[in-house]
Amino acid sequence: MTDSARLAGTGPGRASLPSLLILAAALALSLAASLLGSAATTPNLPWYAGLAKPPFNPPNAAFPIAWTILYPLMAIALWRVATAAAGPDRRRALVAYGAQYILNVAWSFAFFAAQSPALGLAVVGALLLSIAWTIARFRRVDRLAAALLWPYLAWVGFATALNAAILALNS
């Protein structure tokens, strides 16, 4: 899509007022995921600090930095798909996004709030697959939207390996 088409308000991620409201909603959804994750995580950080961790465990400061980058990328990807032409591909892409979103939030509750690396691993494994599914669905609607989710997939892949290692070290 050309920049002039986007500014004129046509196509994925267009700059019309309704489109900007959808962008605001997508950003709010990402903020909600962040706040819910923090609510499950923060009170359980002392428990997490007591776990044995693998040598590749990043410092705690890396996690909020990563998510501060990933959540806006997810929101922009969602916005681009949500503002694309209506149809079954867009609907399927939005369903896939919803599934991965629920699993994204669920992981913090499974791992931290339930203090269960095993449950966390089950959820993050499903999350990893659902992100891949979302990327495949987004690609049918908007290639840039799909590309914006690759860093998220990479980070969750790393988180899956970290979760598995923590489970192994603490079983």
C-alpha atoms as a PDB file:
ATOM      1  CA  MET A   1       0.000   0.000   0.000  1.00  0.00           C
ATOM      2  CA  THR A   2       1.227   3.472  -0.794  1.00  0.00           C
ATOM      3  CA  ASP A   3       1.595   6.128   1.881  1.00  0.00           C
ATOM      4  CA  SER A   4      -0.976   8.253   0.060  1.00  0.00           C
ATOM      5  CA  ALA A   5      -3.535   5.423   0.214  1.00  0.00           C
ATOM      6  CA  ARG A   6      -2.881   4.966   3.934  1.00  0.00           C
ATOM      7  CA  LEU A   7      -3.276   8.686   4.613  1.00  0.00           C
ATOM      8  CA  ALA A   8      -6.394   8.800   2.466  1.00  0.00           C
ATOM      9  CA  GLY A   9      -7.953   6.227   4.783  1.00  0.00           C
ATOM     10  CA  THR A  10      -7.967   3.115   2.617  1.00  0.00           C
ATOM     11  CA  GLY A  11      -6.340  -0.242   3.261  1.00  0.00           C
ATOM     12  CA  PRO A  12      -4.711  -1.875   6.297  1.00  0.00           C
ATOM     13  CA  GLY A  13      -3.568   0.534   8.974  1.00  0.00           C
ATOM     14  CA  ARG A  14      -5.203   3.520   7.311  1.00  0.00           C
ATOM     15  CA  ALA A  15      -5.067   6.874   9.100  1.00  0.00           C
ATOM     16  CA  SER A  16      -8.802   7.705   9.235  1.00  0.00           C
ATOM     17  CA  LEU A  17     -10.430   8.614  12.547  1.00  0.00           C
ATOM     18  CA  PRO A  18     -12.120   5.195  12.908  1.00  0.00           C
ATOM     19  CA  SER A  19      -8.792   3.557  12.125  1.00  0.00           C
ATOM     20  CA  LEU A  20      -7.004   5.641  14.753  1.00  0.00           C
ATOM     21  CA  LEU A  21      -9.656   4.646  17.292  1.00  0.00           C
ATOM     22  CA  ILE A  22      -8.962   1.005  16.428  1.00  0.00           C
ATOM     23  CA  LEU A  23      -5.252   1.667  16.938  1.00  0.00           C
ATOM     24  CA  ALA A  24      -6.001   3.205  20.332  1.00  0.00           C
ATOM     25  CA  ALA A  25      -8.089   0.140  21.237  1.00  0.00           C
ATOM     26  CA  ALA A  26      -5.292  -2.200  20.113  1.00  0.00           C
ATOM     27  CA  LEU A  27      -2.785  -0.268  22.225  1.00  0.00           C
ATOM     28  CA  ALA A  28      -5.198  -0.366  25.186  1.00  0.00           C
ATOM     29  CA  LEU A  29      -5.541  -4.127  24.748  1.00  0.00           C
ATOM     30  CA  SER A  30      -1.762  -4.482  24.862  1.00  0.00           C
ATOM     31  CA  LEU A  31      -1.612  -2.272  27.947  1.00  0.00           C
ATOM     32  CA  ALA A  32      -4.273  -4.449  29.577  1.00  0.00           C
ATOM     33  CA  ALA A  33      -2.208  -7.586  28.860  1.00  0.00           C
ATOM     34  CA  SER A  34       0.828  -5.888  30.344  1.00  0.00           C
ATOM     35  CA  LEU A  35      -1.024  -4.819  33.484  1.00  0.00           C
ATOM     36  CA  LEU A  36      -2.610  -8.234  33.988  1.00  0.00           C
ATOM     37  CA  GLY A  37       0.759  -9.925  33.532  1.00  0.00           C
ATOM     38  CA  SER A  38       2.360  -7.552  36.020  1.00  0.00           C
ATOM     39  CA  ALA A  39      -0.433  -8.167  38.528  1.00  0.00           C
ATOM     40  CA  ALA A  40       0.285 -11.899  38.406  1.00  0.00           C
ATOM     41  CA  THR A  41       4.065 -11.526  38.308  1.00  0.00           C
ATOM     42  CA  THR A  42       5.068  -8.762  40.714  1.00  0.00           C
ATOM     43  CA  PRO A  43       3.794 -10.311  43.966  1.00  0.00           C
ATOM     44  CA  ASN A  44       5.546 -13.555  43.060  1.00  0.00           C
ATOM     45  CA  LEU A  45       8.996 -12.181  42.261  1.00  0.00           C
ATOM     46  CA  PRO A  46      10.404 -13.369  45.626  1.00  0.00           C
ATOM     47  CA  TRP A  47       9.341 -16.924  44.712  1.00  0.00           C
ATOM     48  CA  TYR A  48      10.955 -16.535  41.273  1.00  0.00           C
ATOM     49  CA  ALA A  49      14.165 -15.191  42.829  1.00  0.00           C
ATOM     50  CA  GLY A  50      14.453 -18.394  44.864  1.00  0.00           C
ATOM     51  CA  LEU A  51      14.303 -20.694  41.831  1.00  0.00           C
ATOM     52  CA  ALA A  52      17.395 -22.242  40.270  1.00  0.00           C
ATOM     53  CA  LYS A  53      17.862 -20.722  36.807  1.00  0.00           C
ATOM     54  CA  PRO A  54      19.971 -21.651  33.784  1.00  0.00           C
ATOM     55  CA  PRO A  55      23.051 -19.616  32.825  1.00  0.00           C
ATOM     56  CA  PHE A  56      21.158 -18.025  29.921  1.00  0.00           C
ATOM     57  CA  ASN A  57      18.572 -16.467  32.248  1.00  0.00           C
ATOM     58  CA  PRO A  58      18.605 -12.722  31.481  1.00  0.00           C
ATOM     59  CA  PRO A  59      18.603 -10.101  34.213  1.00  0.00           C
ATOM     60  CA  ASN A  60      15.149  -9.228  35.520  1.00  0.00           C
ATOM     61  CA  ALA A  61      15.363  -5.794  33.853  1.00  0.00           C
ATOM     62  CA  ALA A  62      15.373  -7.450  30.407  1.00  0.00           C
ATOM     63  CA  PHE A  63      11.791  -8.664  30.704  1.00  0.00           C
ATOM     64  CA  PRO A  64       9.990  -5.309  30.950  1.00  0.00           C
ATOM     65  CA  ILE A  65      12.260  -3.876  28.249  1.00  0.00           C
ATOM     66  CA  ALA A  66      11.380  -6.721  25.889  1.00  0.00           C
ATOM     67  CA  TRP A  67       7.646  -6.429  26.546  1.00  0.00           C
ATOM     68  CA  THR A  68       7.746  -2.631  26.189  1.00  0.00           C
ATOM     69  CA  ILE A  69       8.905  -3.253  22.619  1.00  0.00           C
ATOM     70  CA  LEU A  70       6.770  -6.311  21.854  1.00  0.00           C
ATOM     71  CA  TYR A  71       3.359  -5.106  23.032  1.00  0.00           C
ATOM     72  CA  PRO A  72       3.309  -2.034  20.758  1.00  0.00           C
ATOM     73  CA  LEU A  73       4.458  -4.182  17.817  1.00  0.00           C
ATOM     74  CA  MET A  74       1.603  -6.580  18.566  1.00  0.00           C
ATOM     75  CA  ALA A  75      -0.853  -3.682  18.763  1.00  0.00           C
ATOM     76  CA  ILE A  76       0.273  -2.221  15.442  1.00  0.00           C
ATOM     77  CA  ALA A  77       0.018  -5.643  13.807  1.00  0.00           C
ATOM     78  CA  LEU A  78      -3.480  -6.080  15.210  1.00  0.00           C
ATOM     79  CA  TRP A  79      -4.449  -2.589  14.003  1.00  0.00           C
ATOM     80  CA  ARG A  80      -3.259  -3.297  10.482  1.00  0.00           C
ATOM     81  CA  VAL A  81      -5.291  -6.512  10.306  1.00  0.00           C
ATOM     82  CA  ALA A  82      -8.352  -5.057  12.031  1.00  0.00           C
ATOM     83  CA  THR A  83      -8.469  -2.201   9.508  1.00  0.00           C
ATOM     84  CA  ALA A  84      -7.997  -4.435   6.465  1.00  0.00           C
ATOM     85  CA  ALA A  85     -10.910  -5.309   4.207  1.00  0.00           C
ATOM     86  CA  ALA A  86     -13.519  -7.469   5.927  1.00  0.00           C
ATOM     87  CA  GLY A  87     -13.640 -11.121   4.968  1.00  0.00           C
ATOM     88  CA  PRO A  88     -12.991 -14.635   6.194  1.00  0.00           C
ATOM     89  CA  ASP A  89      -9.188 -14.224   6.204  1.00  0.00           C
ATOM     90  CA  ARG A  90      -9.406 -11.152   8.435  1.00  0.00           C
ATOM     91  CA  ARG A  91     -11.915 -12.858  10.734  1.00  0.00           C
ATOM     92  CA  ARG A  92      -9.679 -15.936  11.057  1.00  0.00           C
ATOM     93  CA  ALA A  93      -6.648 -13.740  11.707  1.00  0.00           C
ATOM     94  CA  LEU A  94      -8.474 -11.896  14.484  1.00  0.00           C
ATOM     95  CA  VAL A  95      -9.581 -15.195  16.052  1.00  0.00           C
ATOM     96  CA  ALA A  96      -5.972 -16.405  16.006  1.00  0.00           C
ATOM     97  CA  TYR A  97      -4.852 -13.145  17.604  1.00  0.00           C
ATOM     98  CA  GLY A  98      -7.479 -13.514  20.311  1.00  0.00           C
ATOM     99  CA  ALA A  99      -6.330 -17.048  21.100  1.00  0.00           C
ATOM    100  CA  GLN A 100      -2.684 -16.058  21.436  1.00  0.00           C
ATOM    101  CA  TYR A 101      -3.665 -12.999  23.485  1.00  0.00           C
ATOM    102  CA  ILE A 102      -5.534 -15.147  26.016  1.00  0.00           C
ATOM    103  CA  LEU A 103      -2.569 -17.529  26.265  1.00  0.00           C
ATOM    104  CA  ASN A 104      -0.178 -14.584  26.614  1.00  0.00           C
ATOM    105  CA  VAL A 105      -2.053 -13.346  29.672  1.00  0.00           C
ATOM    106  CA  ALA A 106      -2.613 -16.874  30.999  1.00  0.00           C
ATOM    107  CA  TRP A 107       1.111 -17.632  31.109  1.00  0.00           C
ATOM    108  CA  SER A 108       1.829 -15.105  33.877  1.00  0.00           C
ATOM    109  CA  PHE A 109      -0.952 -16.607  35.951  1.00  0.00           C
ATOM    110  CA  ALA A 110       0.167 -20.177  35.246  1.00  0.00           C
ATOM    111  CA  PHE A 111       3.871 -19.639  35.919  1.00  0.00           C
ATOM    112  CA  PHE A 112       3.931 -16.860  38.523  1.00  0.00           C
ATOM    113  CA  ALA A 113       0.537 -16.713  40.259  1.00  0.00           C
ATOM    114  CA  ALA A 114       0.203 -20.520  40.411  1.00  0.00           C
ATOM    115  CA  GLN A 115       3.970 -20.775  41.021  1.00  0.00           C
ATOM    116  CA  SER A 116       4.051 -23.668  38.576  1.00  0.00           C
ATOM    117  CA  PRO A 117       6.811 -23.926  35.986  1.00  0.00           C
ATOM    118  CA  ALA A 118       5.117 -27.107  34.693  1.00  0.00           C
ATOM    119  CA  LEU A 119       1.799 -25.352  34.072  1.00  0.00           C
ATOM    120  CA  GLY A 120       3.711 -22.376  32.683  1.00  0.00           C
ATOM    121  CA  LEU A 121       5.499 -24.642  30.213  1.00  0.00           C
ATOM    122  CA  ALA A 122       2.207 -26.106  29.012  1.00  0.00           C
ATOM    123  CA  VAL A 123       0.756 -22.633  28.481  1.00  0.00           C
ATOM    124  CA  VAL A 124       3.869 -21.132  26.857  1.00  0.00           C
ATOM    125  CA  GLY A 125       4.115 -24.118  24.501  1.00  0.00           C
ATOM    126  CA  ALA A 126       0.538 -23.508  23.392  1.00  0.00           C
ATOM    127  CA  LEU A 127       1.301 -19.779  23.159  1.00  0.00           C
ATOM    128  CA  LEU A 128       4.288 -20.419  20.898  1.00  0.00           C
ATOM    129  CA  LEU A 129       2.135 -22.479  18.531  1.00  0.00           C
ATOM    130  CA  SER A 130      -0.672 -19.927  18.595  1.00  0.00           C
ATOM    131  CA  ILE A 131       1.714 -17.093  17.712  1.00  0.00           C
ATOM    132  CA  ALA A 132       2.950 -19.094  14.721  1.00  0.00           C
ATOM    133  CA  TRP A 133      -0.689 -19.693  13.748  1.00  0.00           C
ATOM    134  CA  THR A 134      -1.410 -15.963  14.137  1.00  0.00           C
ATOM    135  CA  ILE A 135       1.545 -15.036  11.932  1.00  0.00           C
ATOM    136  CA  ALA A 136       0.323 -17.443   9.247  1.00  0.00           C
ATOM    137  CA  ARG A 137      -3.189 -15.986   9.442  1.00  0.00           C
ATOM    138  CA  PHE A 138      -1.948 -12.375   9.499  1.00  0.00           C
ATOM    139  CA  ARG A 139       0.222 -13.026   6.443  1.00  0.00           C
ATOM    140  CA  ARG A 140      -2.912 -13.774   4.390  1.00  0.00           C
ATOM    141  CA  VAL A 141      -4.269 -10.330   5.310  1.00  0.00           C
ATOM    142  CA  ASP A 142      -1.222  -8.070   5.683  1.00  0.00           C
ATOM    143  CA  ARG A 143       2.394  -9.158   5.271  1.00  0.00           C
ATOM    144  CA  LEU A 144       3.782  -6.297   7.364  1.00  0.00           C
ATOM    145  CA  ALA A 145       1.418  -7.160  10.221  1.00  0.00           C
ATOM    146  CA  ALA A 146       2.709 -10.730  10.122  1.00  0.00           C
ATOM    147  CA  ALA A 147       6.311  -9.531  10.062  1.00  0.00           C
ATOM    148  CA  LEU A 148       5.724  -7.351  13.129  1.00  0.00           C
ATOM    149  CA  LEU A 149       4.968 -10.516  15.124  1.00  0.00           C
ATOM    150  CA  TRP A 150       8.263 -12.301  14.392  1.00  0.00           C
ATOM    151  CA  PRO A 151      10.145 -10.654  17.311  1.00  0.00           C
ATOM    152  CA  TYR A 152       7.291 -11.746  19.588  1.00  0.00           C
ATOM    153  CA  LEU A 153       7.595 -15.316  18.327  1.00  0.00           C
ATOM    154  CA  ALA A 154      11.364 -15.229  18.890  1.00  0.00           C
ATOM    155  CA  TRP A 155      11.008 -13.890  22.449  1.00  0.00           C
ATOM    156  CA  VAL A 156       8.349 -16.460  23.347  1.00  0.00           C
ATOM    157  CA  GLY A 157      10.570 -19.178  21.850  1.00  0.00           C
ATOM    158  CA  PHE A 158      13.323 -18.018  24.197  1.00  0.00           C
ATOM    159  CA  ALA A 159      10.841 -17.862  27.081  1.00  0.00           C
ATOM    160  CA  THR A 160       9.765 -21.434  26.320  1.00  0.00           C
ATOM    161  CA  ALA A 161      13.365 -22.652  26.545  1.00  0.00           C
ATOM    162  CA  LEU A 162      13.875 -20.665  29.758  1.00  0.00           C
ATOM    163  CA  ASN A 163      10.649 -22.023  31.282  1.00  0.00           C
ATOM    164  CA  ALA A 164      11.672 -25.592  30.356  1.00  0.00           C
ATOM    165  CA  ALA A 165      15.119 -25.126  31.895  1.00  0.00           C
ATOM    166  CA  ILE A 166      13.655 -23.674  35.102  1.00  0.00           C
ATOM    167  CA  LEU A 167      11.280 -26.629  35.326  1.00  0.00           C
ATOM    168  CA  ALA A 168      14.145 -29.093  34.854  1.00  0.00           C
ATOM    169  CA  LEU A 169      16.356 -27.357  37.412  1.00  0.00           C
ATOM    170  CA  ASN A 170      13.620 -27.142  40.039  1.00  0.00           C
ATOM    171  CA  SER A 171      11.931 -30.542  39.710  1.00  0.00           C
END
